[in-house]
Amino acid sequence: MDEVTLSQRIIIKDINALKVRVESLGEEKSSLLKIAQESFILGSKSHLNSLNPEIREKLGLELTYLTQRNPKLSSFYEEKKNKYLSLGKSYAAISFLFDLIEEEISLLDLILLQEILMDDGEFRKEDVFIVYPDNSRITFSYKNILSQIEEVFQWYYTVSKNRKISPIVIAILFHYKIVSVHPFLDGNGRVSRLILNLILLKNGLFPISISSERREKYYESLVKGDKGNIEGLIDFVGTLIKEKLEQYLTIAKELEGLEFNKTLLVLTEDGNTEMIQKLLEIHSINLEKTKIESYDGKDNLASAIFFANKLLSKSQNLKHILIHRDRDNDNPQQLKQIVDKHLRSYGLNNKSTVLITKHYDIESYFINSRHINQLYPVITTKKAQDLIEKATFETSPTSKSKLRIAYAEYGKFGKMTDPLIKAKEIDSLYESDPVRYRYGKDVLFKLEELISSELGFAEKIELSQYSDYVKITEVEKCKTKL
């Protein structure tokens, strides 16, 4: 199926219609580009990490490297790479991409992007191959990589001039063609997905990422593409692009329609807002004067902040914004700096409070022996601590699994080639500080079960209640602004 025909698929037409609705909101292109870029930064970890290799194993795919890397860096690339890396490796690749939004991407840019991201920058010098579940094999030869990549770029320059071909189709196919050539020993998927997002940004669309729940489907669509069915990949990525536009419109509708008698707007990443609502109640926040909105995903926060700013300018009653993000396995200070930076860009730094959870998530605030003792005095603080440790241990497989996914390409772990050694090392990291890395939602649920059993209750108790030991500084600070 050619590019023009693919551009007529229903999913592409749906995206175009949604894009018209977004543009009809009256925002300038520069405003939308700013939101899109901020979304990319806020969700940078999902864009820069390799997709979970366990998915390939589940599908029966096996990628074998027949030689080690042998990078030879020119002084030109070394100098340019260091320019971007001086910003911090986490954002070097993204900063480089932003500089390319107003320029034409070239083959040299592709190589430099891979160099910044993977410390490599050379085409592989040996064949690699993939074995599919049916035992068929596809081999990627190293002998014609340069000519194949040059052909991909020539294709890109040609189709980009054809107005009958959707830039969405071009972005998806460009990404697929790079993956199909497999020019580098490592980082091909990440680099190609970054370029996909670059082309989306160039054309006024929001960047997309592939969640852990959809990675298997993504790999399946790539496999089908290798076997001649590219439509599935168009529909898969197209659906992600469509959902981003829909999320933007949903946030716009909900915040634009916010009652003007509210004094506090709470933006939370949690789709289920029950827990944040309980925390607000515990801190005596007036819920009748509070509006809680989920921005549903870290990289949607940029859109939420944008519309919150518009709302503040319209409402005489709205006084403050509380923004919640779970720390997860990230650095809380770094997360807060990122969010604060975007708030300052809209002049909201004095009108907003940022809550980055102290531990993994909101639920972790209730995993507290003194809190338990005050709620249920028959349980001593020592007994409560014993139950917390037991709940932590029994849920450790889930916590370790989440940590392995989060850290698979992080720091020294990203350089480990043996998956078993990598998993063992990350598990050891968890064991060094379970309190920091435990998954609060699972631990709290298990803890409530253990306490219920200890008390002899038939029904599970709830720890998400008021006590003198559940005091969150950021929420208390927020109260003083109302």
Protein backbone atom coordinates (compact mmCIF):
# COMPACT_ATOMS: atom_id res chain seq x y z
CA MET A 1 0.00 0.00 0.00
CA ASP A 2 1.54 3.34 -1.08
CA GLU A 3 1.87 6.48 1.07
CA VAL A 4 -1.06 8.31 -0.56
CA THR A 5 -3.40 5.37 0.06
CA LEU A 6 -2.20 5.03 3.65
CA SER A 7 -2.94 8.73 4.11
CA GLN A 8 -6.61 8.00 3.39
CA ARG A 9 -7.02 5.59 6.29
CA ILE A 10 -9.78 6.39 8.77
CA ILE A 11 -7.37 6.92 11.66
CA ILE A 12 -5.51 9.63 9.68
CA LYS A 13 -8.78 11.38 8.84
CA ASP A 14 -9.81 11.23 12.51
CA ILE A 15 -6.51 12.80 13.56
CA ASN A 16 -6.86 15.59 11.01
CA ALA A 17 -10.37 16.36 12.26
CA LEU A 18 -9.18 16.49 15.87
CA LYS A 19 -6.26 18.72 14.91
CA VAL A 20 -8.71 21.20 13.37
CA ARG A 21 -10.66 21.23 16.65
CA VAL A 22 -7.47 21.87 18.63
CA GLU A 23 -6.52 24.73 16.34
CA SER A 24 -10.05 26.15 16.59
CA LEU A 25 -9.45 26.84 20.28
CA GLY A 26 -7.63 29.90 19.06
CA GLU A 27 -4.18 29.10 20.32
CA GLU A 28 -1.26 30.36 18.30
CA LYS A 29 1.06 27.81 16.73
CA SER A 30 3.84 28.99 19.03
CA SER A 31 1.68 28.27 22.10
CA LEU A 32 0.84 24.78 20.90
CA LEU A 33 4.47 24.11 20.06
CA LYS A 34 5.46 25.24 23.54
CA ILE A 35 2.95 22.86 25.12
CA ALA A 36 4.09 20.02 22.88
CA GLN A 37 7.73 20.63 23.77
CA GLU A 38 6.95 20.82 27.48
CA SER A 39 4.98 17.58 27.19
CA PHE A 40 8.02 15.99 25.63
CA ILE A 41 10.28 17.16 28.45
CA LEU A 42 7.89 16.14 31.23
CA GLY A 43 7.61 12.69 29.69
CA SER A 44 11.27 12.49 28.73
CA LYS A 45 11.97 9.28 30.62
CA SER A 46 9.40 7.34 28.59
CA HIS A 47 10.89 8.67 25.34
CA LEU A 48 14.53 7.98 26.16
CA ASN A 49 14.23 4.53 27.69
CA SER A 50 14.48 1.35 25.68
CA LEU A 51 11.26 -0.63 25.52
CA ASN A 52 11.14 -3.56 27.90
CA PRO A 53 13.26 -6.38 26.42
CA GLU A 54 10.94 -8.87 28.16
CA ILE A 55 8.38 -8.09 25.46
CA ARG A 56 10.74 -9.36 22.77
CA GLU A 57 11.29 -12.50 24.78
CA LYS A 58 7.54 -13.02 25.16
CA LEU A 59 7.09 -12.69 21.39
CA GLY A 60 9.95 -15.09 20.76
CA LEU A 61 12.21 -12.51 19.17
CA GLU A 62 15.96 -12.84 19.54
CA LEU A 63 18.38 -10.11 18.49
CA THR A 64 21.98 -11.34 18.37
CA TYR A 65 24.96 -9.00 18.22
CA LEU A 66 27.93 -10.66 16.56
CA THR A 67 30.53 -8.10 17.51
CA GLN A 68 31.25 -5.40 20.07
CA ARG A 69 31.02 -1.68 19.31
CA ASN A 70 34.15 0.10 18.15
CA PRO A 71 33.30 3.83 18.15
CA LYS A 72 35.63 6.37 16.51
CA LEU A 73 34.47 9.89 17.17
CA SER A 74 35.51 12.83 15.03
CA SER A 75 36.43 16.07 16.79
CA PHE A 76 33.43 17.76 15.12
CA TYR A 77 30.92 15.34 16.58
CA GLU A 78 32.71 15.29 19.92
CA GLU A 79 32.42 19.06 20.21
CA LYS A 80 28.80 19.21 19.14
CA LYS A 81 27.83 16.26 21.32
CA ASN A 82 29.43 17.86 24.38
CA LYS A 83 27.51 21.07 23.69
CA TYR A 84 24.24 19.24 24.22
CA LEU A 85 25.46 16.91 26.93
CA SER A 86 26.41 19.98 28.98
CA LEU A 87 22.65 20.40 29.49
CA GLY A 88 22.54 17.01 31.21
CA LYS A 89 22.26 13.70 29.40
CA SER A 90 18.57 13.29 30.26
CA TYR A 91 17.66 16.28 28.09
CA ALA A 92 20.54 16.43 25.62
CA ALA A 93 18.80 14.37 22.93
CA ILE A 94 15.52 16.24 23.39
CA SER A 95 17.24 19.65 23.28
CA PHE A 96 18.95 18.59 20.06
CA LEU A 97 15.58 17.58 18.61
CA PHE A 98 14.05 20.95 19.47
CA ASP A 99 16.79 22.69 17.53
CA LEU A 100 15.81 20.60 14.51
CA ILE A 101 12.12 21.60 14.55
CA GLU A 102 12.73 24.58 12.27
CA GLU A 103 15.41 22.81 10.22
CA GLU A 104 15.55 19.91 7.79
CA ILE A 105 16.83 16.73 9.41
CA SER A 106 19.82 15.14 7.73
CA LEU A 107 21.72 11.87 7.86
CA LEU A 108 24.41 13.58 9.95
CA ASP A 109 21.74 14.61 12.45
CA LEU A 110 20.62 10.99 12.77
CA ILE A 111 24.16 9.87 13.55
CA LEU A 112 24.70 12.68 16.07
CA LEU A 113 21.38 11.91 17.79
CA GLN A 114 22.44 8.30 18.25
CA GLU A 115 25.86 9.45 19.46
CA ILE A 116 24.30 11.75 22.09
CA LEU A 117 21.87 9.08 23.21
CA MET A 118 24.04 5.97 23.12
CA ASP A 119 27.68 7.18 23.11
CA ASP A 120 28.21 5.33 19.84
CA GLY A 121 27.67 7.20 16.56
CA GLU A 122 28.90 4.48 14.22
CA PHE A 123 27.07 2.13 11.91
CA ARG A 124 27.45 -1.48 12.93
CA LYS A 125 30.12 -3.54 11.18
CA GLU A 126 28.57 -7.00 11.49
CA ASP A 127 25.29 -8.62 10.51
CA VAL A 128 22.48 -8.98 13.06
CA PHE A 129 19.32 -11.01 12.75
CA ILE A 130 15.89 -11.46 14.29
CA VAL A 131 14.20 -14.83 14.77
CA TYR A 132 10.40 -14.66 14.74
CA PRO A 133 8.05 -16.92 16.75
CA ASP A 134 7.49 -19.14 13.69
CA ASN A 135 11.29 -19.67 13.49
CA SER A 136 11.59 -17.58 10.33
CA ARG A 137 14.59 -15.29 10.30
CA ILE A 138 15.35 -11.86 8.94
CA THR A 139 18.98 -10.77 8.61
CA PHE A 140 20.18 -7.18 8.64
CA SER A 141 23.37 -6.92 6.60
CA TYR A 142 25.97 -4.34 7.55
CA LYS A 143 27.44 -3.99 4.05
CA ASN A 144 24.91 -1.56 2.57
CA ILE A 145 23.84 0.41 5.65
CA LEU A 146 25.04 3.79 4.38
CA SER A 147 23.32 3.46 1.00
CA GLN A 148 20.12 2.17 2.65
CA ILE A 149 19.99 5.08 5.10
CA GLU A 150 20.72 7.57 2.32
CA GLU A 151 17.82 6.02 0.42
CA VAL A 152 15.53 6.49 3.45
CA PHE A 153 16.43 10.17 3.68
CA GLN A 154 15.96 10.67 -0.05
CA TRP A 155 12.53 9.05 0.29
CA TYR A 156 11.76 11.43 3.18
CA TYR A 157 12.73 14.55 1.22
CA THR A 158 10.60 13.40 -1.73
CA VAL A 159 7.40 12.42 0.09
CA SER A 160 7.55 15.51 2.31
CA LYS A 161 6.89 17.64 -0.77
CA ASN A 162 3.74 15.68 -1.71
CA ARG A 163 0.71 17.33 -0.09
CA LYS A 164 -1.38 14.21 -0.71
CA ILE A 165 0.77 12.31 1.78
CA SER A 166 0.00 12.87 5.44
CA PRO A 167 2.96 13.95 7.62
CA ILE A 168 1.65 11.40 10.13
CA VAL A 169 2.20 8.60 7.64
CA ILE A 170 5.62 10.04 6.82
CA ALA A 171 6.59 10.13 10.51
CA ILE A 172 5.49 6.54 11.13
CA LEU A 173 7.11 5.17 7.97
CA PHE A 174 10.36 7.08 8.56
CA HIS A 175 10.55 5.50 12.01
CA TYR A 176 9.79 2.05 10.57
CA LYS A 177 12.33 2.34 7.75
CA ILE A 178 15.11 3.25 10.20
CA VAL A 179 14.23 0.30 12.42
CA SER A 180 14.14 -1.97 9.36
CA VAL A 181 17.67 -0.99 8.35
CA HIS A 182 18.85 -1.36 11.96
CA PRO A 183 21.90 0.85 11.33
CA PHE A 184 23.35 0.76 14.86
CA LEU A 185 24.13 -2.02 17.26
CA ASP A 186 21.97 -0.41 19.93
CA GLY A 187 19.45 2.41 20.26
CA ASN A 188 17.75 1.98 16.86
CA GLY A 189 14.25 1.92 18.36
CA ARG A 190 14.80 4.90 20.62
CA VAL A 191 16.40 7.02 17.91
CA SER A 192 13.70 6.18 15.36
CA ARG A 193 10.89 6.96 17.84
CA LEU A 194 12.53 10.30 18.70
CA ILE A 195 12.58 11.17 14.99
CA LEU A 196 8.96 10.09 14.69
CA ASN A 197 8.12 12.58 17.43
CA LEU A 198 10.29 15.25 15.82
CA ILE A 199 8.23 15.04 12.62
CA LEU A 200 5.01 15.16 14.67
CA LEU A 201 6.27 18.29 16.46
CA LYS A 202 7.21 19.86 13.12
CA ASN A 203 3.60 19.42 12.02
CA GLY A 204 1.86 20.77 15.11
CA LEU A 205 1.08 17.43 16.75
CA PHE A 206 1.84 16.23 20.26
CA PRO A 207 4.64 13.72 20.91
CA ILE A 208 3.61 10.18 21.77
CA SER A 209 5.13 7.48 23.94
CA ILE A 210 4.42 3.77 24.16
CA SER A 211 3.22 2.65 27.58
CA SER A 212 4.23 -0.66 29.11
CA GLU A 213 0.71 -1.97 28.52
CA ARG A 214 1.03 -1.39 24.76
CA ARG A 215 4.60 -2.44 24.09
CA GLU A 216 3.66 -5.95 23.09
CA LYS A 217 1.13 -4.59 20.60
CA TYR A 218 3.80 -2.25 19.25
CA TYR A 219 6.23 -5.11 18.64
CA GLU A 220 3.50 -7.16 17.02
CA SER A 221 2.75 -4.32 14.59
CA LEU A 222 6.46 -4.08 13.72
CA VAL A 223 6.55 -7.83 13.06
CA LYS A 224 3.51 -7.54 10.78
CA GLY A 225 5.22 -4.67 8.99
CA ASP A 226 8.25 -6.87 8.35
CA LYS A 227 5.90 -9.37 6.75
CA GLY A 228 4.31 -6.78 4.46
CA ASN A 229 1.37 -5.50 6.51
CA ILE A 230 2.29 -1.91 7.37
CA GLU A 231 -1.32 -0.80 7.90
CA GLY A 232 -1.31 -2.22 11.44
CA LEU A 233 1.61 0.00 12.45
CA ILE A 234 -0.09 3.06 10.92
CA ASP A 235 -3.24 2.33 12.90
CA PHE A 236 -1.34 1.55 16.12
CA VAL A 237 0.75 4.74 16.18
CA GLY A 238 -2.13 6.73 14.73
CA THR A 239 -4.29 5.69 17.67
CA LEU A 240 -1.68 7.03 20.10
CA ILE A 241 -1.56 10.35 18.24
CA LYS A 242 -5.37 10.54 18.21
CA GLU A 243 -5.55 9.87 21.94
CA LYS A 244 -3.10 12.69 22.66
CA LEU A 245 -5.29 15.18 20.81
CA GLU A 246 -8.38 13.85 22.57
CA GLN A 247 -6.69 14.20 25.96
CA TYR A 248 -5.75 17.79 25.16
CA LEU A 249 -9.34 18.59 24.16
CA THR A 250 -10.69 16.85 27.26
CA ILE A 251 -8.43 18.86 29.57
CA ALA A 252 -9.41 22.05 27.71
CA LYS A 253 -13.12 21.29 28.05
CA GLU A 254 -12.95 20.34 31.72
CA LEU A 255 -10.84 23.29 32.82
CA GLU A 256 -12.58 25.83 30.64
CA GLY A 257 -15.89 24.64 32.09
CA LEU A 258 -14.70 24.83 35.67
CA GLU A 259 -17.12 26.59 38.00
CA PHE A 260 -15.86 30.05 38.85
CA ASN A 261 -16.74 29.72 42.55
CA LYS A 262 -13.82 27.34 43.16
CA THR A 263 -10.84 28.71 45.06
CA LEU A 264 -8.44 25.76 44.65
CA LEU A 265 -7.65 23.73 41.54
CA VAL A 266 -5.90 20.41 42.12
CA LEU A 267 -4.16 18.80 39.15
CA THR A 268 -3.27 15.17 39.82
CA GLU A 269 -1.64 12.54 37.64
CA ASP A 270 -3.85 9.83 39.18
CA GLY A 271 -6.85 8.78 37.12
CA ASN A 272 -8.53 7.71 40.36
CA THR A 273 -8.71 10.88 42.45
CA GLU A 274 -10.08 9.22 45.59
CA MET A 275 -6.76 9.14 47.45
CA ILE A 276 -5.83 12.78 46.80
CA GLN A 277 -9.34 13.75 47.87
CA LYS A 278 -8.88 11.91 51.17
CA LEU A 279 -5.59 13.71 51.76
CA LEU A 280 -7.28 17.07 51.18
CA GLU A 281 -10.03 16.14 53.65
CA ILE A 282 -7.45 15.11 56.25
CA HIS A 283 -5.84 18.53 55.91
CA SER A 284 -9.22 20.29 56.26
CA ILE A 285 -9.30 21.61 52.70
CA ASN A 286 -12.83 22.75 51.78
CA LEU A 287 -13.82 20.30 49.04
CA GLU A 288 -16.85 22.37 48.05
CA LYS A 289 -14.44 25.11 47.03
CA THR A 290 -11.99 22.67 45.40
CA LYS A 291 -11.90 21.20 41.91
CA ILE A 292 -9.82 18.05 41.38
CA GLU A 293 -8.79 17.27 37.80
CA SER A 294 -6.70 14.38 36.53
CA TYR A 295 -4.27 15.20 33.77
CA ASP A 296 -3.90 11.44 33.23
CA GLY A 297 -0.22 10.94 32.53
CA LYS A 298 2.95 12.88 33.21
CA ASP A 299 3.37 14.34 29.74
CA ASN A 300 -0.21 15.71 29.80
CA LEU A 301 0.75 17.98 32.68
CA ALA A 302 2.00 20.63 30.24
CA SER A 303 -1.49 20.98 28.73
CA ALA A 304 -3.06 21.08 32.20
CA ILE A 305 -0.71 23.87 33.34
CA PHE A 306 -1.44 25.84 30.17
CA PHE A 307 -5.21 25.74 30.68
CA ALA A 308 -4.89 26.35 34.42
CA ASN A 309 -3.07 29.57 33.57
CA LYS A 310 -5.92 30.63 31.28
CA LEU A 311 -8.42 29.76 33.99
CA LEU A 312 -6.61 31.88 36.59
CA SER A 313 -6.78 34.87 34.27
CA LYS A 314 -10.56 34.47 33.91
CA SER A 315 -11.62 33.61 37.45
CA GLN A 316 -11.64 36.12 40.28
CA ASN A 317 -12.31 33.36 42.83
CA LEU A 318 -9.61 30.86 41.91
CA LYS A 319 -6.65 31.60 44.17
CA HIS A 320 -4.26 28.67 43.98
CA ILE A 321 -3.25 25.51 42.11
CA LEU A 322 -1.94 22.33 43.73
CA ILE A 323 -0.06 20.06 41.32
CA HIS A 324 0.53 16.44 42.30
CA ARG A 325 3.03 14.04 40.79
CA ASP A 326 4.09 10.74 42.28
CA ARG A 327 7.82 10.43 42.80
CA ASP A 328 7.79 6.84 41.53
CA ASN A 329 11.44 5.84 41.05
CA ASP A 330 12.55 9.31 40.00
CA ASN A 331 14.56 11.97 41.80
CA PRO A 332 11.99 14.18 43.64
CA GLN A 333 14.21 17.29 43.62
CA GLN A 334 14.80 16.97 39.89
CA LEU A 335 11.09 16.42 39.21
CA LYS A 336 10.15 19.50 41.20
CA GLN A 337 12.73 21.59 39.34
CA ILE A 338 11.25 20.49 36.01
CA VAL A 339 7.67 21.32 37.01
CA ASP A 340 8.72 24.61 38.64
CA LYS A 341 10.45 25.62 35.42
CA HIS A 342 7.22 25.26 33.45
CA LEU A 343 5.22 27.09 36.10
CA ARG A 344 7.66 30.01 35.94
CA SER A 345 7.28 30.16 32.17
CA TYR A 346 3.61 31.05 32.73
CA GLY A 347 4.24 33.19 35.80
CA LEU A 348 2.48 30.64 38.02
CA ASN A 349 5.30 29.93 40.46
CA ASN A 350 3.71 32.11 43.17
CA LYS A 351 0.22 30.83 42.47
CA SER A 352 0.99 27.12 42.59
CA THR A 353 2.25 24.49 45.01
CA VAL A 354 3.97 21.38 43.68
CA LEU A 355 3.54 18.12 45.59
CA ILE A 356 6.10 15.49 44.61
CA THR A 357 5.41 12.58 46.97
CA LYS A 358 8.06 11.87 49.58
CA HIS A 359 8.09 8.18 48.73
CA TYR A 360 6.80 6.21 45.75
CA ASP A 361 3.20 7.46 45.71
CA ILE A 362 0.43 9.08 47.77
CA GLU A 363 -0.46 5.79 49.43
CA SER A 364 3.00 5.71 51.00
CA TYR A 365 2.05 8.52 53.40
CA PHE A 366 -0.22 6.09 55.26
CA ILE A 367 2.48 3.45 55.68
CA ASN A 368 3.51 4.81 59.06
CA SER A 369 3.71 2.88 62.33
CA ARG A 370 2.71 5.87 64.51
CA HIS A 371 -0.23 6.59 62.22
CA ILE A 372 -1.38 2.97 62.59
CA ASN A 373 -0.94 3.06 66.36
CA GLN A 374 -3.04 6.20 66.69
CA LEU A 375 -5.84 4.72 64.58
CA TYR A 376 -5.68 1.33 66.33
CA PRO A 377 -4.03 1.75 69.78
CA VAL A 378 -4.18 -2.00 70.43
CA ILE A 379 -1.44 -2.32 67.78
CA THR A 380 1.83 -1.03 69.21
CA THR A 381 4.21 0.96 67.04
CA LYS A 382 6.61 -1.99 67.13
CA LYS A 383 3.89 -4.40 65.98
CA ALA A 384 2.83 -1.91 63.33
CA GLN A 385 6.40 -1.70 62.06
CA ASP A 386 6.60 -5.50 61.93
CA LEU A 387 3.41 -5.59 59.85
CA ILE A 388 4.76 -2.87 57.54
CA GLU A 389 7.93 -4.87 56.97
CA LYS A 390 5.89 -8.01 56.29
CA ALA A 391 3.65 -6.18 53.80
CA THR A 392 6.74 -4.71 52.14
CA PHE A 393 8.35 -8.14 51.83
CA GLU A 394 5.22 -9.86 50.49
CA THR A 395 4.74 -7.23 47.78
CA SER A 396 8.43 -6.95 46.90
CA PRO A 397 8.09 -8.90 43.60
CA THR A 398 5.84 -6.16 42.21
CA SER A 399 8.07 -3.39 43.56
CA LYS A 400 11.18 -5.03 42.10
CA SER A 401 9.47 -5.53 38.76
CA LYS A 402 8.58 -1.84 38.54
CA LEU A 403 12.11 -0.87 39.55
CA ARG A 404 13.63 -3.15 36.90
CA ILE A 405 11.49 -1.54 34.22
CA ALA A 406 12.30 1.99 35.42
CA TYR A 407 16.05 1.40 35.73
CA ALA A 408 16.65 -0.96 32.80
CA GLU A 409 18.34 1.79 30.76
CA TYR A 410 19.38 4.05 33.63
CA GLY A 411 23.02 4.85 34.46
CA LYS A 412 25.26 1.81 34.81
CA PHE A 413 22.32 -0.55 34.25
CA GLY A 414 21.87 0.73 30.70
CA LYS A 415 25.36 -0.50 29.84
CA MET A 416 24.81 -4.02 31.13
CA THR A 417 24.26 -6.49 28.30
CA ASP A 418 23.41 -9.58 30.38
CA PRO A 419 19.71 -9.28 31.39
CA LEU A 420 20.13 -11.69 34.31
CA ILE A 421 23.00 -9.73 35.81
CA LYS A 422 21.10 -6.49 35.22
CA ALA A 423 18.00 -7.83 36.99
CA LYS A 424 20.11 -9.08 39.90
CA GLU A 425 21.86 -5.73 40.28
CA ILE A 426 18.59 -3.78 40.24
CA ASP A 427 17.06 -6.19 42.75
CA SER A 428 20.06 -5.51 44.97
CA LEU A 429 19.37 -1.80 44.66
CA TYR A 430 15.84 -2.43 45.91
CA GLU A 431 17.11 -4.50 48.84
CA SER A 432 19.45 -1.66 49.84
CA ASP A 433 16.47 0.64 50.52
CA PRO A 434 13.03 -1.04 50.30
CA VAL A 435 11.30 1.96 51.91
CA ARG A 436 12.42 4.17 49.06
CA TYR A 437 11.58 1.79 46.23
CA ARG A 438 8.49 -0.09 47.44
CA TYR A 439 5.27 0.34 45.46
CA GLY A 440 2.99 2.09 47.94
CA LYS A 441 -0.36 1.07 46.48
CA ASP A 442 0.34 -2.65 46.80
CA VAL A 443 2.06 -2.33 50.18
CA LEU A 444 -0.82 -0.32 51.65
CA PHE A 445 -3.43 -2.79 50.41
CA LYS A 446 -1.49 -5.75 51.82
CA LEU A 447 -0.85 -3.86 55.09
CA GLU A 448 -4.56 -3.20 55.53
CA GLU A 449 -5.25 -6.91 55.03
CA LEU A 450 -2.62 -7.85 57.65
CA ILE A 451 -3.94 -5.36 60.20
CA SER A 452 -7.52 -6.55 59.64
CA SER A 453 -6.40 -10.11 60.30
CA GLU A 454 -4.44 -9.01 63.38
CA LEU A 455 -7.53 -7.27 64.77
CA GLY A 456 -9.81 -10.16 63.86
CA PHE A 457 -11.98 -8.00 61.58
CA ALA A 458 -13.97 -9.68 58.83
CA GLU A 459 -13.75 -6.63 56.58
CA LYS A 460 -10.54 -4.92 55.52
CA ILE A 461 -9.77 -1.73 57.42
CA GLU A 462 -8.71 1.50 55.71
CA LEU A 463 -5.59 3.38 56.74
CA SER A 464 -6.37 6.42 54.59
CA GLN A 465 -7.81 8.29 57.58
CA TYR A 466 -6.87 11.33 59.64
CA SER A 467 -4.15 11.11 62.28
CA ASP A 468 -1.61 13.52 63.70
CA TYR A 469 1.07 11.65 61.73
CA VAL A 470 -0.31 12.30 58.25
CA LYS A 471 0.79 15.87 57.68
CA ILE A 472 2.04 16.87 54.23
CA THR A 473 4.00 20.11 54.17
CA GLU A 474 2.97 21.02 50.62
CA VAL A 475 -0.75 20.65 51.36
CA GLU A 476 -0.40 22.66 54.58
CA LYS A 477 1.37 25.37 52.60
CA CYS A 478 -1.42 25.31 50.04
CA LYS A 479 -3.97 26.02 52.78
CA THR A 480 -2.26 29.29 53.66
CA LYS A 481 -2.82 30.54 50.10
CA LEU A 482 -6.60 30.13 50.23
